[in-house]
Amino acid sequence: IFSTMGFGLYDLLLSSLFFINALAILHEQRFLAKYGWDKPKFEDQTVKGKFVNLLYSARTILQIPLIFLNILFILMLVLFG
């Protein structure tokens, strides 16, 4: 399941998990409000509006699944090295 050479499926999933974790921990008032990314407008179809909606969903909807995915990946690393 884990390859020592190259970039496998596990590495792609792990890097995606890291990226979603990074999006999920951004603080609204301290970081996102400086750039106007703190309040999502769901009818906004610009690139900025879609990015703000992605940040909002990563912080709210994906919170519980991220906990379980992080636990799963940690257990896989502990068990399989």
C-alpha atoms as a PDB file:
ATOM      1  CA  ILE A   1       0.000   0.000   0.000  1.00  0.00           C
ATOM      2  CA  PHE A   2       2.913   2.365   0.719  1.00  0.00           C
ATOM      3  CA  SER A   3       5.561   2.823  -1.919  1.00  0.00           C
ATOM      4  CA  THR A   4       9.088   3.904  -1.160  1.00  0.00           C
ATOM      5  CA  MET A   5       9.607   5.328  -4.641  1.00  0.00           C
ATOM      6  CA  GLY A   6       7.445   7.685  -6.595  1.00  0.00           C
ATOM      7  CA  PHE A   7       4.195   9.395  -5.875  1.00  0.00           C
ATOM      8  CA  GLY A   8       1.461   6.844  -5.264  1.00  0.00           C
ATOM      9  CA  LEU A   9      -2.231   6.971  -4.502  1.00  0.00           C
ATOM     10  CA  TYR A  10      -1.581   7.035  -0.755  1.00  0.00           C
ATOM     11  CA  ASP A  11       0.683  10.078  -1.137  1.00  0.00           C
ATOM     12  CA  LEU A  12      -1.948  11.850  -3.229  1.00  0.00           C
ATOM     13  CA  LEU A  13      -4.625  11.177  -0.608  1.00  0.00           C
ATOM     14  CA  LEU A  14      -2.332  12.273   2.210  1.00  0.00           C
ATOM     15  CA  SER A  15      -1.397  15.525   0.483  1.00  0.00           C
ATOM     16  CA  SER A  16      -5.091  16.225  -0.184  1.00  0.00           C
ATOM     17  CA  LEU A  17      -5.831  15.625   3.484  1.00  0.00           C
ATOM     18  CA  PHE A  18      -3.044  18.034   4.476  1.00  0.00           C
ATOM     19  CA  PHE A  19      -4.433  20.685   2.138  1.00  0.00           C
ATOM     20  CA  ILE A  20      -7.999  20.338   3.463  1.00  0.00           C
ATOM     21  CA  ASN A  21      -6.668  20.467   7.039  1.00  0.00           C
ATOM     22  CA  ALA A  22      -4.839  23.686   6.179  1.00  0.00           C
ATOM     23  CA  LEU A  23      -8.038  25.216   4.837  1.00  0.00           C
ATOM     24  CA  ALA A  24     -10.044  24.065   7.838  1.00  0.00           C
ATOM     25  CA  ILE A  25      -7.818  25.677  10.476  1.00  0.00           C
ATOM     26  CA  LEU A  26      -7.857  29.196   9.037  1.00  0.00           C
ATOM     27  CA  HIS A  27      -9.387  31.588  11.567  1.00  0.00           C
ATOM     28  CA  GLU A  28     -12.168  33.859  10.311  1.00  0.00           C
ATOM     29  CA  GLN A  29     -11.497  37.008  12.334  1.00  0.00           C
ATOM     30  CA  ARG A  30      -7.721  36.854  12.517  1.00  0.00           C
ATOM     31  CA  PHE A  31      -6.854  35.860   8.966  1.00  0.00           C
ATOM     32  CA  LEU A  32      -9.791  35.692   6.584  1.00  0.00           C
ATOM     33  CA  ALA A  33     -11.426  39.010   7.517  1.00  0.00           C
ATOM     34  CA  LYS A  34      -8.304  40.920   6.403  1.00  0.00           C
ATOM     35  CA  TYR A  35      -8.917  39.810   2.825  1.00  0.00           C
ATOM     36  CA  GLY A  36     -12.723  39.813   2.835  1.00  0.00           C
ATOM     37  CA  TRP A  37     -12.934  36.027   2.758  1.00  0.00           C
ATOM     38  CA  ASP A  38     -14.810  35.531   6.028  1.00  0.00           C
ATOM     39  CA  LYS A  39     -18.451  35.786   4.915  1.00  0.00           C
ATOM     40  CA  PRO A  40     -19.555  33.482   2.092  1.00  0.00           C
ATOM     41  CA  LYS A  41     -22.076  34.750  -0.430  1.00  0.00           C
ATOM     42  CA  PHE A  42     -23.499  31.640  -2.022  1.00  0.00           C
ATOM     43  CA  GLU A  43     -24.909  33.480  -5.037  1.00  0.00           C
ATOM     44  CA  ASP A  44     -21.461  34.882  -5.925  1.00  0.00           C
ATOM     45  CA  GLN A  45     -20.119  32.886  -8.895  1.00  0.00           C
ATOM     46  CA  THR A  46     -16.735  34.603  -9.268  1.00  0.00           C
ATOM     47  CA  VAL A  47     -13.483  32.795  -8.543  1.00  0.00           C
ATOM     48  CA  LYS A  48     -13.151  34.637  -5.226  1.00  0.00           C
ATOM     49  CA  GLY A  49     -16.738  33.750  -4.285  1.00  0.00           C
ATOM     50  CA  LYS A  50     -16.199  30.084  -5.068  1.00  0.00           C
ATOM     51  CA  PHE A  51     -12.966  30.067  -3.058  1.00  0.00           C
ATOM     52  CA  VAL A  52     -14.706  31.669  -0.060  1.00  0.00           C
ATOM     53  CA  ASN A  53     -17.466  29.040  -0.312  1.00  0.00           C
ATOM     54  CA  LEU A  54     -14.813  26.302  -0.418  1.00  0.00           C
ATOM     55  CA  LEU A  55     -13.167  27.715   2.703  1.00  0.00           C
ATOM     56  CA  TYR A  56     -16.518  27.923   4.466  1.00  0.00           C
ATOM     57  CA  SER A  57     -17.423  24.334   3.616  1.00  0.00           C
ATOM     58  CA  ALA A  58     -13.981  23.085   4.670  1.00  0.00           C
ATOM     59  CA  ARG A  59     -14.422  24.781   8.046  1.00  0.00           C
ATOM     60  CA  THR A  60     -17.999  23.672   8.716  1.00  0.00           C
ATOM     61  CA  ILE A  61     -19.192  20.699   6.690  1.00  0.00           C
ATOM     62  CA  LEU A  62     -15.912  18.779   6.621  1.00  0.00           C
ATOM     63  CA  GLN A  63     -15.080  19.244  10.296  1.00  0.00           C
ATOM     64  CA  ILE A  64     -16.357  15.855  11.545  1.00  0.00           C
ATOM     65  CA  PRO A  65     -15.191  13.819   8.508  1.00  0.00           C
ATOM     66  CA  LEU A  66     -11.733  15.397   8.819  1.00  0.00           C
ATOM     67  CA  ILE A  67     -11.431  14.148  12.380  1.00  0.00           C
ATOM     68  CA  PHE A  68     -12.121  10.582  11.291  1.00  0.00           C
ATOM     69  CA  LEU A  69      -9.891  10.836   8.204  1.00  0.00           C
ATOM     70  CA  ASN A  70      -7.005  12.144  10.319  1.00  0.00           C
ATOM     71  CA  ILE A  71      -7.450   9.289  12.798  1.00  0.00           C
ATOM     72  CA  LEU A  72      -7.549   6.781   9.929  1.00  0.00           C
ATOM     73  CA  PHE A  73      -4.363   8.106   8.335  1.00  0.00           C
ATOM     74  CA  ILE A  74      -2.553   8.231  11.682  1.00  0.00           C
ATOM     75  CA  LEU A  75      -3.519   4.613  12.395  1.00  0.00           C
ATOM     76  CA  MET A  76      -2.358   3.580   8.915  1.00  0.00           C
ATOM     77  CA  LEU A  77       0.998   5.246   9.510  1.00  0.00           C
ATOM     78  CA  VAL A  78       1.379   3.617  12.928  1.00  0.00           C
ATOM     79  CA  LEU A  79       0.387   0.147  11.721  1.00  0.00           C
ATOM     80  CA  PHE A  80       2.103   0.075   8.325  1.00  0.00           C
ATOM     81  CA  GLY A  81       5.022   2.427   8.859  1.00  0.00           C
END
